[in-house]
Amino acid sequence: MSTYLITGANRGIGLELVRQLKARGEDVIATCRSSSSELNSLAVRVETNIDITSGDSVVKLRENLNDTRIDVLIQNAGIAEFNSLSNLDPQSIVHQFEVNALSPLCCVQTLLSRLSKSAKIVLITSRMGSIEDNSSGGSYGYRMSKVALSMAGKSLSVDLKPRGIAVAILHPGLVSTRMTGFTSNGIQPKESVKGMLQRIDELTLENTGTFWHSNGEILPW
């Protein structure tokens, strides 16, 4: 049994991660700003009032962990706001950078002392952060923030390899959740998370820093 800490765990992909990890017997710490009835029903440890954009909040989380050691840290919390070229909103773009890229990096740095030896770090990014794969344009803030998150993950994979810590940069697929407006074109969270957990299980120091699709495909930068 390993200990997993998941941010943004009250709904969507985060909630499904908690559900599947709990079902296979892992020890799960679910963090979120506010819990949900679905999360509470899973009977795992829930840390509420955790906002990854607040340094004090993440320090509080670290203190609440006491001597608990995290084997897998999954940075799942994120936002998506639409920014077209004709309707740019600089404040929205900056906010997405803060939530999607800077805060996960700072959270990792704050929680490093609570990671176990040979721990794993997982950053939930997006294929929309692939420069080579961008054929539709738009979504400036979201795309730019996810490129930044992937770069942070690549640097973390280099910097933490000597410590024995591996890093995965994961695209969950187009998933039908509230963030995507429950798109009919997406896969269900259950399918996405099943694939992501396979990628996490396969993560080693040999493949650290890889940009993966949940289905196992290696994505272009």
Protein backbone atom coordinates (compact mmCIF):
# COMPACT_ATOMS: atom_id res chain seq x y z
CA MET A 1 0.00 0.00 0.00
CA SER A 2 1.26 3.45 -0.98
CA THR A 3 0.18 6.90 0.15
CA TYR A 4 -1.21 9.18 -2.56
CA LEU A 5 -1.92 12.88 -2.12
CA ILE A 6 -4.26 14.39 -4.71
CA THR A 7 -5.06 18.09 -5.13
CA GLY A 8 -8.42 19.21 -6.49
CA ALA A 9 -10.00 15.96 -5.35
CA ASN A 10 -13.61 16.96 -4.74
CA ARG A 11 -14.93 16.38 -8.27
CA GLY A 12 -14.11 15.31 -11.81
CA ILE A 13 -10.81 13.61 -12.50
CA GLY A 14 -9.54 14.20 -8.96
CA LEU A 15 -12.57 12.49 -7.43
CA GLU A 16 -12.23 9.53 -9.78
CA LEU A 17 -8.55 9.21 -8.88
CA VAL A 18 -9.54 8.99 -5.23
CA ARG A 19 -12.26 6.43 -6.03
CA GLN A 20 -10.03 4.08 -8.02
CA LEU A 21 -7.05 4.33 -5.69
CA LYS A 22 -9.24 3.66 -2.67
CA ALA A 23 -10.78 0.66 -4.45
CA ARG A 24 -7.39 -0.92 -5.03
CA GLY A 25 -6.41 -0.49 -1.39
CA GLU A 26 -4.13 2.55 -1.46
CA ASP A 27 -3.92 5.13 1.31
CA VAL A 28 -5.38 8.36 -0.08
CA ILE A 29 -5.17 11.96 1.13
CA ALA A 30 -7.65 14.09 -0.80
CA THR A 31 -7.17 17.86 -0.73
CA CYS A 32 -9.56 20.53 -1.93
CA ARG A 33 -10.88 23.97 -1.11
CA SER A 34 -14.21 22.48 -0.07
CA SER A 35 -15.31 18.85 0.00
CA SER A 36 -18.29 17.24 -1.72
CA SER A 37 -20.79 14.58 -0.72
CA GLU A 38 -19.24 12.26 -3.30
CA LEU A 39 -15.78 12.68 -1.82
CA ASN A 40 -16.99 12.32 1.76
CA SER A 41 -18.72 9.05 0.85
CA LEU A 42 -15.39 7.46 -0.12
CA ALA A 43 -14.16 7.42 3.49
CA VAL A 44 -10.63 8.66 2.83
CA ARG A 45 -8.66 11.36 4.61
CA VAL A 46 -9.86 14.73 3.34
CA GLU A 47 -7.96 17.97 3.91
CA THR A 48 -10.25 20.93 3.17
CA ASN A 49 -9.55 24.66 2.89
CA ILE A 50 -6.46 23.82 0.82
CA ASP A 51 -6.01 26.36 -1.98
CA ILE A 52 -2.85 25.67 -3.98
CA THR A 53 -2.57 29.36 -4.91
CA SER A 54 -2.07 30.20 -1.23
CA GLY A 55 1.40 29.53 0.14
CA ASP A 56 0.05 29.62 3.69
CA SER A 57 -2.57 27.03 2.77
CA VAL A 58 0.02 24.62 1.38
CA VAL A 59 2.28 25.14 4.42
CA LYS A 60 -0.75 24.28 6.58
CA LEU A 61 -1.19 21.09 4.57
CA ARG A 62 2.46 20.18 5.09
CA GLU A 63 2.09 20.71 8.83
CA ASN A 64 -1.12 18.67 8.94
CA LEU A 65 0.72 15.74 7.37
CA ASN A 66 2.95 15.48 10.46
CA ASP A 67 5.14 12.40 9.91
CA THR A 68 3.11 11.04 6.98
CA ARG A 69 5.24 10.35 3.95
CA ILE A 70 3.77 10.79 0.46
CA ASP A 71 4.67 8.14 -2.11
CA VAL A 72 2.78 9.72 -5.02
CA LEU A 73 1.91 13.43 -5.24
CA ILE A 74 -0.69 14.13 -7.92
CA GLN A 75 -1.08 17.79 -8.87
CA ASN A 76 -4.54 17.71 -10.38
CA ALA A 77 -6.09 21.06 -9.39
CA GLY A 78 -6.51 23.43 -12.31
CA ILE A 79 -8.85 25.75 -14.18
CA ALA A 80 -9.80 26.44 -17.79
CA GLU A 81 -10.99 29.83 -19.04
CA PHE A 82 -11.54 30.67 -22.70
CA ASN A 83 -9.40 33.45 -24.20
CA SER A 84 -9.72 34.13 -27.92
CA LEU A 85 -7.56 36.55 -29.88
CA SER A 86 -10.53 38.89 -30.33
CA ASN A 87 -11.42 38.77 -26.63
CA LEU A 88 -8.16 38.56 -24.71
CA ASP A 89 -8.41 38.97 -20.96
CA PRO A 90 -4.91 39.50 -19.51
CA GLN A 91 -6.12 39.03 -15.94
CA SER A 92 -7.67 35.69 -16.87
CA ILE A 93 -4.45 34.58 -18.55
CA VAL A 94 -2.35 35.55 -15.53
CA HIS A 95 -4.81 33.76 -13.23
CA GLN A 96 -4.54 30.58 -15.27
CA PHE A 97 -0.75 30.79 -15.09
CA GLU A 98 -0.98 31.12 -11.32
CA VAL A 99 -3.36 28.20 -10.83
CA ASN A 100 -2.19 25.81 -13.55
CA ALA A 101 1.58 26.33 -13.61
CA LEU A 102 3.12 28.37 -10.81
CA SER A 103 1.06 27.02 -7.92
CA PRO A 104 1.67 23.31 -8.68
CA LEU A 105 5.41 24.01 -8.86
CA CYS A 106 5.39 25.90 -5.56
CA CYS A 107 3.26 23.17 -4.00
CA VAL A 108 5.80 20.53 -5.00
CA GLN A 109 8.62 22.61 -3.53
CA THR A 110 6.74 23.07 -0.24
CA LEU A 111 5.88 19.38 0.10
CA LEU A 112 9.28 17.97 -0.89
CA SER A 113 10.20 17.34 2.73
CA ARG A 114 7.12 15.10 3.06
CA LEU A 115 7.92 12.91 0.05
CA SER A 116 9.19 9.39 0.64
CA LYS A 117 12.34 7.98 -0.88
CA SER A 118 11.67 6.97 -4.50
CA ALA A 119 8.48 9.04 -4.54
CA LYS A 120 6.62 9.97 -7.71
CA ILE A 121 5.23 13.35 -8.75
CA VAL A 122 2.43 13.58 -11.31
CA LEU A 123 1.46 16.82 -13.05
CA ILE A 124 -1.90 16.75 -14.83
CA THR A 125 -1.30 18.88 -17.89
CA SER A 126 -3.04 18.87 -21.29
CA ARG A 127 -2.44 18.04 -24.91
CA MET A 128 -3.56 21.63 -25.50
CA GLY A 129 -0.17 22.55 -24.09
CA SER A 130 1.59 20.82 -26.99
CA ILE A 131 3.06 23.39 -29.38
CA GLU A 132 3.55 20.88 -32.20
CA ASP A 133 0.01 19.53 -31.82
CA ASN A 134 -1.70 22.94 -31.86
CA SER A 135 -3.70 23.05 -35.07
CA SER A 136 -6.77 24.95 -33.87
CA GLY A 137 -5.32 28.02 -32.10
CA GLY A 138 -7.22 30.02 -29.48
CA SER A 139 -7.49 29.23 -25.76
CA TYR A 140 -4.47 31.41 -25.10
CA GLY A 141 -4.44 31.37 -21.33
CA TYR A 142 -5.09 27.66 -20.93
CA ARG A 143 -2.64 26.59 -23.64
CA MET A 144 0.12 28.90 -22.39
CA SER A 145 -0.32 27.85 -18.76
CA LYS A 146 -0.17 24.16 -19.64
CA VAL A 147 3.01 24.66 -21.69
CA ALA A 148 4.49 26.31 -18.60
CA LEU A 149 3.38 23.43 -16.36
CA SER A 150 4.93 20.87 -18.69
CA MET A 151 8.21 22.82 -18.69
CA ALA A 152 8.14 22.90 -14.89
CA GLY A 153 7.62 19.15 -14.89
CA LYS A 154 10.56 18.59 -17.22
CA SER A 155 12.85 20.69 -15.02
CA LEU A 156 11.60 18.90 -11.91
CA SER A 157 12.39 15.56 -13.53
CA VAL A 158 16.00 16.66 -14.01
CA ASP A 159 16.43 18.33 -10.62
CA LEU A 160 14.80 15.53 -8.60
CA LYS A 161 16.28 12.51 -10.39
CA PRO A 162 19.38 12.51 -8.13
CA ARG A 163 17.00 12.22 -5.17
CA GLY A 164 15.31 9.19 -6.71
CA ILE A 165 12.07 11.05 -7.43
CA ALA A 166 10.41 10.49 -10.82
CA VAL A 167 8.03 12.93 -12.53
CA ALA A 168 5.20 12.20 -14.98
CA ILE A 169 3.59 14.87 -17.16
CA LEU A 170 0.15 13.48 -17.98
CA HIS A 171 -2.62 14.44 -20.38
CA PRO A 172 -5.85 12.82 -19.17
CA GLY A 173 -7.51 12.93 -22.57
CA LEU A 174 -10.59 14.95 -23.42
CA VAL A 175 -12.68 14.02 -20.41
CA SER A 176 -16.38 14.71 -19.90
CA THR A 177 -16.32 16.75 -16.68
CA ARG A 178 -17.66 20.07 -15.49
CA MET A 179 -14.44 21.75 -16.66
CA THR A 180 -15.15 20.66 -20.25
CA GLY A 181 -18.89 21.36 -20.05
CA PHE A 182 -19.52 17.60 -19.90
CA THR A 183 -18.68 17.41 -23.59
CA SER A 184 -20.26 14.52 -25.46
CA ASN A 185 -17.00 14.12 -27.40
CA GLY A 186 -15.01 13.19 -24.30
CA ILE A 187 -14.25 9.96 -22.52
CA GLN A 188 -15.55 9.28 -19.03
CA PRO A 189 -13.38 9.99 -15.97
CA LYS A 190 -13.30 6.28 -15.17
CA GLU A 191 -11.56 5.46 -18.47
CA SER A 192 -9.16 8.40 -18.21
CA VAL A 193 -8.09 7.60 -14.66
CA LYS A 194 -7.63 3.91 -15.42
CA GLY A 195 -5.11 4.87 -18.09
CA MET A 196 -3.38 7.48 -15.95
CA LEU A 197 -2.90 5.04 -13.10
CA GLN A 198 -1.26 2.63 -15.53
CA ARG A 199 1.14 5.39 -16.57
CA ILE A 200 1.87 6.26 -12.93
CA ASP A 201 2.53 2.61 -12.08
CA GLU A 202 4.96 2.42 -15.02
CA LEU A 203 6.79 5.62 -14.05
CA THR A 204 10.49 5.11 -13.26
CA LEU A 205 13.68 7.13 -13.19
CA GLU A 206 14.35 5.82 -16.69
CA ASN A 207 11.23 7.43 -18.20
CA THR A 208 10.92 10.40 -15.84
CA GLY A 209 9.98 13.67 -17.54
CA THR A 210 7.90 12.01 -20.25
CA PHE A 211 4.82 13.80 -21.65
CA TRP A 212 2.19 11.05 -21.83
CA HIS A 213 -1.38 10.67 -22.97
CA SER A 214 -3.38 8.58 -20.51
CA ASN A 215 -3.60 5.90 -23.22
CA GLY A 216 0.19 5.50 -23.21
CA GLU A 217 0.99 7.58 -26.28
CA ILE A 218 4.04 9.82 -25.92
CA LEU A 219 2.95 13.31 -26.91
CA PRO A 220 4.99 15.91 -28.81
CA TRP A 221 6.17 19.02 -27.03
